Amino acid sequence: MTDPHPAVRTDSTSATLDARYGRTGRSRRGLMLVSIGTVALVALVWLLWVAFIQSNPPVSSRLIGFKIASATSATGTFQVDRSKSVEAQCRLQAKSADFSIVGEITVTVPADSPRQQSLDATLTTQRAATAVVLIGCTTADAHRPH
């Protein structure tokens, strides 16, 4: 009679059990940890790079104020700050009481103009506007308004 649970296993029995139950050796575990660590490091470097780029846009803008001149005209005053002497396109919209867009204008800020400046833009409106909104400014390299 043989003992079904021998005290000492042979290597072939251990290998058979590993194959049957899908267990992997410790050498694969180390490789898996190194792979996960590498992917995590690359993801962290990419995240820091994107955060740095987005926190330092080539152009930023803010609305200083607006004035509704008439039922067909509105003027917006905005400030533009550029880190480099690049041409910028700044977009403003006039909105009515129901928040629909009743006028829009894109102002070009030339590359040779001062890097920090305040500009006025007069929008022609389809009907009476109640507010002027600055969508933001873009450059050739940065297409998302800031």
C-alpha atoms as a PDB file:
ATOM      1  CA  MET A   1       0.000   0.000   0.000  1.00  0.00           C
ATOM      2  CA  THR A   2       1.338   3.476  -0.902  1.00  0.00           C
ATOM      3  CA  ASP A   3       0.829   6.678   0.990  1.00  0.00           C
ATOM      4  CA  PRO A   4      -1.334   9.105  -1.054  1.00  0.00           C
ATOM      5  CA  HIS A   5       0.312  12.090   0.624  1.00  0.00           C
ATOM      6  CA  PRO A   6       4.050  11.505   0.629  1.00  0.00           C
ATOM      7  CA  ALA A   7       6.049  13.700   2.984  1.00  0.00           C
ATOM      8  CA  VAL A   8       8.616  14.567   0.328  1.00  0.00           C
ATOM      9  CA  ARG A   9       7.634  15.553  -3.206  1.00  0.00           C
ATOM     10  CA  THR A  10       9.808  14.999  -6.159  1.00  0.00           C
ATOM     11  CA  ASP A  11      10.492  17.721  -8.719  1.00  0.00           C
ATOM     12  CA  SER A  12       8.370  15.962 -11.324  1.00  0.00           C
ATOM     13  CA  THR A  13       5.351  15.952  -8.995  1.00  0.00           C
ATOM     14  CA  SER A  14       5.768  19.660  -8.259  1.00  0.00           C
ATOM     15  CA  ALA A  15       6.110  20.429 -11.975  1.00  0.00           C
ATOM     16  CA  THR A  16       2.997  18.373 -12.726  1.00  0.00           C
ATOM     17  CA  LEU A  17       0.993  20.266 -10.088  1.00  0.00           C
ATOM     18  CA  ASP A  18       2.291  23.607 -11.376  1.00  0.00           C
ATOM     19  CA  ALA A  19       1.231  22.731 -14.901  1.00  0.00           C
ATOM     20  CA  ARG A  20      -2.162  21.424 -13.759  1.00  0.00           C
ATOM     21  CA  TYR A  21      -3.103  24.456 -11.655  1.00  0.00           C
ATOM     22  CA  GLY A  22      -1.456  27.165 -13.758  1.00  0.00           C
ATOM     23  CA  ARG A  23       1.082  28.281 -11.183  1.00  0.00           C
ATOM     24  CA  THR A  24       4.105  30.150 -12.439  1.00  0.00           C
ATOM     25  CA  GLY A  25       7.589  30.120 -11.106  1.00  0.00           C
ATOM     26  CA  ARG A  26       9.129  32.963  -9.097  1.00  0.00           C
ATOM     27  CA  SER A  27      11.290  34.027 -12.056  1.00  0.00           C
ATOM     28  CA  ARG A  28       8.222  35.231 -13.943  1.00  0.00           C
ATOM     29  CA  ARG A  29       6.991  37.155 -10.912  1.00  0.00           C
ATOM     30  CA  GLY A  30      10.191  39.229 -10.865  1.00  0.00           C
ATOM     31  CA  LEU A  31       9.915  39.925 -14.584  1.00  0.00           C
ATOM     32  CA  MET A  32       6.295  40.995 -14.120  1.00  0.00           C
ATOM     33  CA  LEU A  33       7.224  43.401 -11.293  1.00  0.00           C
ATOM     34  CA  VAL A  34       9.997  44.957 -13.374  1.00  0.00           C
ATOM     35  CA  SER A  35       7.613  45.368 -16.327  1.00  0.00           C
ATOM     36  CA  ILE A  36       4.911  47.013 -14.189  1.00  0.00           C
ATOM     37  CA  GLY A  37       7.507  49.302 -12.597  1.00  0.00           C
ATOM     38  CA  THR A  38       8.805  50.377 -16.002  1.00  0.00           C
ATOM     39  CA  VAL A  39       5.312  51.145 -17.311  1.00  0.00           C
ATOM     40  CA  ALA A  40       4.494  53.105 -14.132  1.00  0.00           C
ATOM     41  CA  LEU A  41       7.709  55.127 -14.425  1.00  0.00           C
ATOM     42  CA  VAL A  42       7.045  55.972 -18.082  1.00  0.00           C
ATOM     43  CA  ALA A  43       3.460  56.996 -17.219  1.00  0.00           C
ATOM     44  CA  LEU A  44       4.685  59.242 -14.377  1.00  0.00           C
ATOM     45  CA  VAL A  45       7.273  60.958 -16.602  1.00  0.00           C
ATOM     46  CA  TRP A  46       4.630  61.527 -19.294  1.00  0.00           C
ATOM     47  CA  LEU A  47       2.177  62.956 -16.724  1.00  0.00           C
ATOM     48  CA  LEU A  48       4.768  65.391 -15.371  1.00  0.00           C
ATOM     49  CA  TRP A  49       5.740  66.485 -18.887  1.00  0.00           C
ATOM     50  CA  VAL A  50       2.092  67.129 -19.868  1.00  0.00           C
ATOM     51  CA  ALA A  51       1.426  69.011 -16.620  1.00  0.00           C
ATOM     52  CA  PHE A  52       4.460  71.242 -17.209  1.00  0.00           C
ATOM     53  CA  ILE A  53       3.508  71.999 -20.820  1.00  0.00           C
ATOM     54  CA  GLN A  54      -0.113  72.793 -19.923  1.00  0.00           C
ATOM     55  CA  SER A  55       0.883  75.018 -16.994  1.00  0.00           C
ATOM     56  CA  ASN A  56       3.083  77.182 -19.243  1.00  0.00           C
ATOM     57  CA  PRO A  57       1.019  78.012 -22.347  1.00  0.00           C
ATOM     58  CA  PRO A  58       2.573  80.324 -24.966  1.00  0.00           C
ATOM     59  CA  VAL A  59      -0.399  82.711 -24.624  1.00  0.00           C
ATOM     60  CA  SER A  60      -2.966  83.417 -21.914  1.00  0.00           C
ATOM     61  CA  SER A  61      -5.809  85.891 -21.785  1.00  0.00           C
ATOM     62  CA  ARG A  62      -8.483  87.261 -19.487  1.00  0.00           C
ATOM     63  CA  LEU A  63     -11.531  89.429 -19.932  1.00  0.00           C
ATOM     64  CA  ILE A  64     -11.202  92.768 -18.151  1.00  0.00           C
ATOM     65  CA  GLY A  65     -14.690  94.065 -18.889  1.00  0.00           C
ATOM     66  CA  PHE A  66     -17.351  94.741 -21.491  1.00  0.00           C
ATOM     67  CA  LYS A  67     -19.818  97.439 -22.479  1.00  0.00           C
ATOM     68  CA  ILE A  68     -23.074  97.053 -24.405  1.00  0.00           C
ATOM     69  CA  ALA A  69     -23.070 100.098 -26.672  1.00  0.00           C
ATOM     70  CA  SER A  70     -26.373  99.477 -28.484  1.00  0.00           C
ATOM     71  CA  ALA A  71     -28.777  96.749 -29.572  1.00  0.00           C
ATOM     72  CA  THR A  72     -26.356  95.827 -32.384  1.00  0.00           C
ATOM     73  CA  SER A  73     -22.964  96.496 -30.821  1.00  0.00           C
ATOM     74  CA  ALA A  74     -20.898  95.379 -27.820  1.00  0.00           C
ATOM     75  CA  THR A  75     -17.300  96.070 -26.854  1.00  0.00           C
ATOM     76  CA  GLY A  76     -15.066  93.748 -24.862  1.00  0.00           C
ATOM     77  CA  THR A  77     -11.749  94.647 -23.228  1.00  0.00           C
ATOM     78  CA  PHE A  78      -9.302  91.812 -22.676  1.00  0.00           C
ATOM     79  CA  GLN A  79      -5.677  91.336 -21.660  1.00  0.00           C
ATOM     80  CA  VAL A  80      -3.229  89.130 -23.568  1.00  0.00           C
ATOM     81  CA  ASP A  81       0.007  87.754 -22.060  1.00  0.00           C
ATOM     82  CA  ARG A  82       2.459  85.925 -24.318  1.00  0.00           C
ATOM     83  CA  SER A  83       5.612  84.130 -23.193  1.00  0.00           C
ATOM     84  CA  LYS A  84       7.171  84.470 -26.670  1.00  0.00           C
ATOM     85  CA  SER A  85       6.650  86.914 -29.505  1.00  0.00           C
ATOM     86  CA  VAL A  86       4.167  84.781 -31.445  1.00  0.00           C
ATOM     87  CA  GLU A  87       1.014  85.706 -33.312  1.00  0.00           C
ATOM     88  CA  ALA A  88      -2.147  84.942 -31.357  1.00  0.00           C
ATOM     89  CA  GLN A  89      -5.793  84.619 -32.359  1.00  0.00           C
ATOM     90  CA  CYS A  90      -8.249  85.687 -29.623  1.00  0.00           C
ATOM     91  CA  ARG A  91     -11.962  84.891 -29.895  1.00  0.00           C
ATOM     92  CA  LEU A  92     -14.776  86.783 -28.188  1.00  0.00           C
ATOM     93  CA  GLN A  93     -18.509  86.097 -28.254  1.00  0.00           C
ATOM     94  CA  ALA A  94     -21.494  88.297 -27.449  1.00  0.00           C
ATOM     95  CA  LYS A  95     -24.339  86.458 -25.728  1.00  0.00           C
ATOM     96  CA  SER A  96     -27.995  87.369 -25.264  1.00  0.00           C
ATOM     97  CA  ALA A  97     -30.172  86.929 -22.179  1.00  0.00           C
ATOM     98  CA  ASP A  98     -31.042  83.352 -23.237  1.00  0.00           C
ATOM     99  CA  PHE A  99     -27.274  82.539 -23.563  1.00  0.00           C
ATOM    100  CA  SER A 100     -27.397  82.209 -27.347  1.00  0.00           C
ATOM    101  CA  ILE A 101     -24.472  83.614 -29.323  1.00  0.00           C
ATOM    102  CA  VAL A 102     -25.497  86.837 -31.055  1.00  0.00           C
ATOM    103  CA  GLY A 103     -22.056  87.993 -32.202  1.00  0.00           C
ATOM    104  CA  GLU A 104     -18.522  86.727 -32.542  1.00  0.00           C
ATOM    105  CA  ILE A 105     -15.146  88.148 -33.464  1.00  0.00           C
ATOM    106  CA  THR A 106     -11.577  86.855 -33.743  1.00  0.00           C
ATOM    107  CA  VAL A 107      -8.857  89.411 -33.030  1.00  0.00           C
ATOM    108  CA  THR A 108      -5.334  88.828 -34.348  1.00  0.00           C
ATOM    109  CA  VAL A 109      -2.528  89.936 -32.038  1.00  0.00           C
ATOM    110  CA  PRO A 110       0.597  90.405 -34.196  1.00  0.00           C
ATOM    111  CA  ALA A 111       3.884  88.807 -33.159  1.00  0.00           C
ATOM    112  CA  ASP A 112       5.694  92.176 -33.121  1.00  0.00           C
ATOM    113  CA  SER A 113       3.212  93.780 -30.683  1.00  0.00           C
ATOM    114  CA  PRO A 114       3.944  94.026 -26.917  1.00  0.00           C
ATOM    115  CA  ARG A 115       3.884  90.685 -25.098  1.00  0.00           C
ATOM    116  CA  GLN A 116       1.481  91.996 -22.453  1.00  0.00           C
ATOM    117  CA  GLN A 117      -1.269  94.305 -23.610  1.00  0.00           C
ATOM    118  CA  SER A 118      -4.925  95.213 -23.224  1.00  0.00           C
ATOM    119  CA  LEU A 119      -7.103  95.310 -26.313  1.00  0.00           C
ATOM    120  CA  ASP A 120     -10.630  96.457 -27.139  1.00  0.00           C
ATOM    121  CA  ALA A 121     -12.774  94.538 -29.612  1.00  0.00           C
ATOM    122  CA  THR A 122     -16.128  95.741 -30.941  1.00  0.00           C
ATOM    123  CA  LEU A 123     -18.585  93.009 -31.858  1.00  0.00           C
ATOM    124  CA  THR A 124     -21.517  93.529 -34.203  1.00  0.00           C
ATOM    125  CA  THR A 125     -24.532  91.663 -32.831  1.00  0.00           C
ATOM    126  CA  GLN A 126     -27.666  90.236 -34.470  1.00  0.00           C
ATOM    127  CA  ARG A 127     -29.801  91.373 -31.533  1.00  0.00           C
ATOM    128  CA  ALA A 128     -29.284  92.881 -28.092  1.00  0.00           C
ATOM    129  CA  ALA A 129     -26.435  91.314 -26.151  1.00  0.00           C
ATOM    130  CA  THR A 130     -26.234  91.126 -22.368  1.00  0.00           C
ATOM    131  CA  ALA A 131     -22.624  89.925 -22.016  1.00  0.00           C
ATOM    132  CA  VAL A 132     -19.337  89.521 -23.836  1.00  0.00           C
ATOM    133  CA  VAL A 133     -17.379  86.318 -23.208  1.00  0.00           C
ATOM    134  CA  LEU A 134     -13.704  85.709 -23.959  1.00  0.00           C
ATOM    135  CA  ILE A 135     -13.317  82.171 -25.318  1.00  0.00           C
ATOM    136  CA  GLY A 136      -9.526  82.459 -25.245  1.00  0.00           C
ATOM    137  CA  CYS A 137      -6.442  82.904 -27.357  1.00  0.00           C
ATOM    138  CA  THR A 138      -4.582  80.351 -29.481  1.00  0.00           C
ATOM    139  CA  THR A 139      -1.304  80.261 -31.400  1.00  0.00           C
ATOM    140  CA  ALA A 140      -0.080  78.184 -34.308  1.00  0.00           C
ATOM    141  CA  ASP A 141       1.440  75.689 -31.831  1.00  0.00           C
ATOM    142  CA  ALA A 142      -1.272  75.773 -29.138  1.00  0.00           C
ATOM    143  CA  HIS A 143      -4.737  75.139 -30.537  1.00  0.00           C
ATOM    144  CA  ARG A 144      -6.565  75.004 -27.192  1.00  0.00           C
ATOM    145  CA  PRO A 145      -7.763  78.459 -26.050  1.00  0.00           C
ATOM    146  CA  HIS A 146      -6.153  79.909 -22.915  1.00  0.00           C
END
